[in-house]
Amino acid sequence: MEAFVAEFVGTSLLLALGCGVVANVVLPGTKGHGGGWMVITTAWA
């Protein structure tokens, strides 16, 4: 069960950070607005 919890927490963290970067680039009024696809792919990598 310990490995399952570790995988779940790691995947949740990856998704939260990745979706946060996409939201930062797409939403107007944020500092990263208009950053482009390179910012998104770099963050996901």
Foldseek 3Di string as FASTA:
>chain_A
DVVVVVVVVVVVVLVVQLVVQVCQCPDPPHPNDVVDPVSNVVSND
